[in-house]
Amino acid sequence: MKLYFPPERQQLAYFILGCCALCPVALWGVDKPLALWLHEEAQGLRPFFEGMTDAVDKVYTTLFYSADLGGVPIGFVALLGLFLLGRFLLKVPSAGVFLLVGLVLLNSGVATNLLKIYFQRPRPDSFLLHGMTGAGFWQATTRDYSFPSSHATLYFSLLLPVAWQFPKYRWPLLALPALITVGRLVLELHFLGDALASIGLVGLLTLLFSRLPVITPRTPFRLRRSFRKDFTA
């Protein structure tokens, strides 16, 4: 008997596998040539991406750092409040997405910082502007590391879980984190491989935390078994 996996979960799994497959390709053969090409050809785009990223960062910093309620950033308070209101008062099953965003955001941030410290990859401008010859890992020449991208992790953590929950609005929701990520490459702050690793990490955490019953309510086992039999018949 074949097992049934919801289409949205299959799509997210394929998305993660795609990022995982493309990341080594970028690390080994694309990152340096692409960074050099962007350095030569994309200078005119820098003011746009600098202004956009600064504006978005100010909003995020206000919600998740500057403004707090009882010592907890107001952004996390809002996510928890929306989850509790939607799930337990309004009885909306999809309200679990607010808790999912919070969990992915917290854990992806911790994982990204730990990975940066471990891999110690210099940023593109280190070899574009300061004479470094390599773009590989374990080059402890700076305290400001590139792999993976904090900005890509951050903004995909905020919007990828929502895009996964509401596929009808997937592409509009992913437009902002995609633009921010492209901007990190244009601004010579990250390589393509850094971005792919970040996006794959966020996708993996989204897939894992979405399995929590408090986020995605489970159908009773008897009904799930009956449905799978009907689906695979």
Protein backbone atom coordinates (compact mmCIF):
# COMPACT_ATOMS: atom_id res chain seq x y z
CA MET A 1 0.00 0.00 0.00
CA LYS A 2 1.31 3.39 -0.99
CA LEU A 3 1.59 6.10 1.62
CA TYR A 4 -0.18 9.36 1.04
CA PHE A 5 1.63 12.65 1.55
CA PRO A 6 -0.31 15.90 1.14
CA PRO A 7 0.67 17.73 -2.05
CA GLU A 8 1.80 20.83 -0.18
CA ARG A 9 4.17 18.73 1.95
CA GLN A 10 5.53 17.03 -1.17
CA GLN A 11 6.13 20.42 -2.79
CA LEU A 12 7.98 21.70 0.26
CA ALA A 13 10.10 18.53 0.38
CA TYR A 14 11.01 18.93 -3.31
CA PHE A 15 11.83 22.58 -2.67
CA ILE A 16 14.23 21.62 0.14
CA LEU A 17 15.85 18.90 -1.96
CA GLY A 18 16.31 21.37 -4.80
CA CYS A 19 18.10 23.84 -2.53
CA CYS A 20 20.26 21.06 -1.10
CA ALA A 21 21.20 19.85 -4.59
CA LEU A 22 21.97 23.31 -5.96
CA CYS A 23 23.94 24.54 -2.93
CA PRO A 24 27.05 22.35 -3.53
CA VAL A 25 26.97 23.26 -7.23
CA ALA A 26 26.98 26.94 -6.30
CA LEU A 27 29.72 26.49 -3.70
CA TRP A 28 32.05 24.63 -6.03
CA GLY A 29 31.48 26.28 -9.40
CA VAL A 30 29.14 29.27 -9.42
CA ASP A 31 29.78 31.48 -6.39
CA LYS A 32 33.05 33.15 -7.40
CA PRO A 33 32.24 33.70 -11.11
CA LEU A 34 28.80 35.05 -10.22
CA ALA A 35 30.24 37.37 -7.58
CA LEU A 36 32.80 38.70 -10.07
CA TRP A 37 30.11 39.22 -12.72
CA LEU A 38 27.84 41.07 -10.29
CA HIS A 39 30.78 43.20 -9.17
CA GLU A 40 31.32 44.32 -12.76
CA GLU A 41 27.78 44.47 -14.10
CA ALA A 42 25.37 45.21 -11.24
CA GLN A 43 26.82 48.31 -9.60
CA GLY A 44 23.88 50.40 -10.80
CA LEU A 45 21.45 48.26 -8.80
CA ARG A 46 23.19 48.81 -5.48
CA PRO A 47 21.31 52.01 -4.46
CA PHE A 48 17.93 50.30 -5.01
CA PHE A 49 18.81 47.23 -2.96
CA GLU A 50 20.50 49.26 -0.23
CA GLY A 51 17.44 51.49 0.19
CA MET A 52 14.96 48.62 0.08
CA THR A 53 16.90 46.47 2.54
CA ASP A 54 17.40 49.36 4.97
CA ALA A 55 13.68 50.17 4.93
CA VAL A 56 12.62 46.55 5.52
CA ASP A 57 15.28 46.09 8.20
CA LYS A 58 13.96 49.11 10.11
CA VAL A 59 10.48 47.61 10.23
CA TYR A 60 11.82 44.24 11.37
CA THR A 61 14.11 45.79 13.98
CA THR A 62 11.21 47.77 15.41
CA LEU A 63 8.96 44.73 15.69
CA PHE A 64 11.47 42.14 16.87
CA TYR A 65 14.10 44.16 18.74
CA SER A 66 13.26 47.75 19.65
CA ALA A 67 9.62 47.51 20.73
CA ASP A 68 8.84 45.00 23.46
CA LEU A 69 6.06 44.03 25.81
CA GLY A 70 7.27 42.83 29.18
CA GLY A 71 10.74 42.25 27.78
CA VAL A 72 9.47 40.14 24.87
CA PRO A 73 9.72 41.67 21.37
CA ILE A 74 6.31 42.84 20.22
CA GLY A 75 6.60 40.83 17.00
CA PHE A 76 6.73 37.53 18.89
CA VAL A 77 3.94 38.66 21.21
CA ALA A 78 1.81 39.42 18.15
CA LEU A 79 2.52 36.03 16.57
CA LEU A 80 1.62 34.18 19.77
CA GLY A 81 -1.49 36.31 20.29
CA LEU A 82 -2.72 35.73 16.74
CA PHE A 83 -2.14 32.00 17.13
CA LEU A 84 -4.07 31.77 20.40
CA LEU A 85 -6.89 33.98 19.15
CA GLY A 86 -7.28 32.14 15.88
CA ARG A 87 -6.87 28.58 17.14
CA PHE A 88 -8.73 28.59 20.45
CA LEU A 89 -11.22 31.46 20.15
CA LEU A 90 -12.05 31.66 16.45
CA LYS A 91 -11.35 27.94 15.83
CA VAL A 92 -9.40 28.57 12.63
CA PRO A 93 -7.14 25.55 11.90
CA SER A 94 -4.75 27.57 9.74
CA ALA A 95 -3.95 29.87 12.68
CA GLY A 96 -1.14 27.47 13.52
CA VAL A 97 0.90 29.28 10.87
CA PHE A 98 1.56 32.13 13.32
CA LEU A 99 3.16 29.78 15.82
CA LEU A 100 5.01 28.08 12.96
CA VAL A 101 6.52 31.42 11.87
CA GLY A 102 7.70 32.15 15.41
CA LEU A 103 9.32 28.74 15.85
CA VAL A 104 11.02 28.82 12.47
CA LEU A 105 12.22 32.38 13.02
CA LEU A 106 13.76 31.63 16.42
CA ASN A 107 15.41 28.35 15.49
CA SER A 108 16.66 29.39 12.07
CA GLY A 109 18.35 32.44 13.59
CA VAL A 110 20.20 30.31 16.14
CA ALA A 111 21.18 27.73 13.52
CA THR A 112 22.43 30.39 11.11
CA ASN A 113 24.68 32.00 13.71
CA LEU A 114 26.14 28.64 14.73
CA LEU A 115 26.79 27.69 11.11
CA LYS A 116 28.50 31.01 10.44
CA ILE A 117 30.86 30.46 13.38
CA TYR A 118 31.61 26.89 12.31
CA PHE A 119 32.15 27.37 8.56
CA GLN A 120 33.95 30.75 8.77
CA ARG A 121 33.41 31.68 5.15
CA PRO A 122 34.51 35.21 4.14
CA ARG A 123 32.10 37.54 2.42
CA PRO A 124 32.43 38.21 -1.34
CA ASP A 125 33.94 41.66 -0.80
CA SER A 126 36.85 40.01 1.04
CA PHE A 127 38.29 38.71 -2.21
CA LEU A 128 36.70 41.26 -4.55
CA LEU A 129 38.07 44.28 -2.70
CA HIS A 130 40.69 43.08 -0.23
CA GLY A 131 42.78 40.66 -2.22
CA MET A 132 41.74 37.29 -0.79
CA THR A 133 42.12 34.48 -3.31
CA GLY A 134 39.60 31.98 -1.96
CA ALA A 135 35.93 31.88 -1.12
CA GLY A 136 35.92 28.59 0.77
CA PHE A 137 35.24 27.61 4.35
CA TRP A 138 37.39 27.82 7.48
CA GLN A 139 39.18 31.08 6.74
CA ALA A 140 39.35 32.72 10.15
CA THR A 141 40.44 36.10 8.80
CA THR A 142 37.38 38.05 9.90
CA ARG A 143 34.60 37.95 12.48
CA ASP A 144 31.96 38.76 9.89
CA TYR A 145 31.18 35.55 8.04
CA SER A 146 29.07 34.84 4.99
CA PHE A 147 27.69 31.28 5.13
CA PRO A 148 24.72 31.09 5.44
CA SER A 149 22.94 34.40 4.84
CA SER A 150 21.26 35.88 7.91
CA HIS A 151 19.03 38.15 5.83
CA ALA A 152 17.84 35.32 3.58
CA THR A 153 17.19 33.16 6.65
CA LEU A 154 15.33 35.94 8.42
CA TYR A 155 12.92 37.02 5.72
CA PHE A 156 12.25 33.54 4.35
CA SER A 157 11.52 32.47 7.95
CA LEU A 158 8.88 35.18 8.18
CA LEU A 159 7.16 34.44 4.87
CA LEU A 160 7.97 30.92 3.62
CA PRO A 161 5.76 29.22 6.27
CA VAL A 162 2.90 31.53 5.31
CA ALA A 163 3.46 30.90 1.60
CA TRP A 164 3.47 27.15 2.28
CA GLN A 165 0.22 27.41 4.26
CA PHE A 166 -1.52 29.57 1.61
CA PRO A 167 -0.31 28.39 -1.81
CA LYS A 168 -2.74 30.72 -3.60
CA TYR A 169 -0.62 33.67 -2.45
CA ARG A 170 2.74 31.88 -2.61
CA TRP A 171 4.54 33.97 -5.21
CA PRO A 172 3.48 37.41 -3.92
CA LEU A 173 4.50 36.35 -0.41
CA LEU A 174 7.91 35.12 -1.54
CA ALA A 175 8.67 38.18 -3.67
CA LEU A 176 10.04 40.23 -0.75
CA PRO A 177 12.46 37.62 0.68
CA ALA A 178 13.57 36.78 -2.87
CA LEU A 179 14.36 40.45 -3.57
CA ILE A 180 16.18 40.82 -0.26
CA THR A 181 18.23 37.73 -1.07
CA VAL A 182 19.14 38.95 -4.55
CA GLY A 183 20.13 42.23 -2.94
CA ARG A 184 22.62 40.48 -0.65
CA LEU A 185 24.37 39.12 -3.74
CA VAL A 186 24.34 42.47 -5.56
CA LEU A 187 25.67 44.25 -2.46
CA GLU A 188 28.57 41.75 -2.36
CA LEU A 189 27.65 40.55 1.12
CA HIS A 190 26.80 36.95 0.23
CA PHE A 191 27.38 34.27 -2.36
CA LEU A 192 24.63 32.31 -4.08
CA GLY A 193 25.55 29.22 -2.07
CA ASP A 194 25.00 31.15 1.17
CA ALA A 195 21.49 32.07 0.09
CA LEU A 196 20.57 28.56 -1.06
CA ALA A 197 21.76 27.10 2.25
CA SER A 198 19.63 29.61 4.16
CA ILE A 199 16.51 28.93 2.11
CA GLY A 200 16.97 25.17 2.42
CA LEU A 201 17.41 25.51 6.19
CA VAL A 202 14.20 27.52 6.51
CA GLY A 203 12.33 25.02 4.35
CA LEU A 204 13.56 22.11 6.48
CA LEU A 205 12.55 23.78 9.74
CA THR A 206 9.16 24.66 8.26
CA LEU A 207 8.62 21.04 7.27
CA LEU A 208 9.69 19.71 10.68
CA PHE A 209 7.77 22.15 12.88
CA SER A 210 4.65 21.87 10.74
CA ARG A 211 4.38 18.29 11.98
CA LEU A 212 3.59 19.47 15.50
CA PRO A 213 -0.08 18.73 16.28
CA VAL A 214 -0.52 22.15 17.86
CA ILE A 215 0.36 23.68 14.48
CA THR A 216 -1.25 21.21 12.09
CA PRO A 217 -4.19 19.42 13.76
CA ARG A 218 -4.19 15.69 13.08
CA THR A 219 -7.06 13.79 11.54
CA PRO A 220 -7.99 10.82 13.76
CA PHE A 221 -5.93 7.75 12.78
CA ARG A 222 -8.95 5.72 11.71
CA LEU A 223 -10.03 8.44 9.29
CA ARG A 224 -6.46 8.92 7.99
CA ARG A 225 -6.16 5.17 7.29
CA SER A 226 -9.53 5.12 5.52
CA PHE A 227 -8.58 8.15 3.45
CA ARG A 228 -5.24 6.63 2.42
CA LYS A 229 -6.96 3.43 1.32
CA ASP A 230 -9.39 5.43 -0.80
CA PHE A 231 -6.54 7.49 -2.22
CA THR A 232 -4.38 4.50 -3.20
CA ALA A 233 -7.17 2.22 -4.33
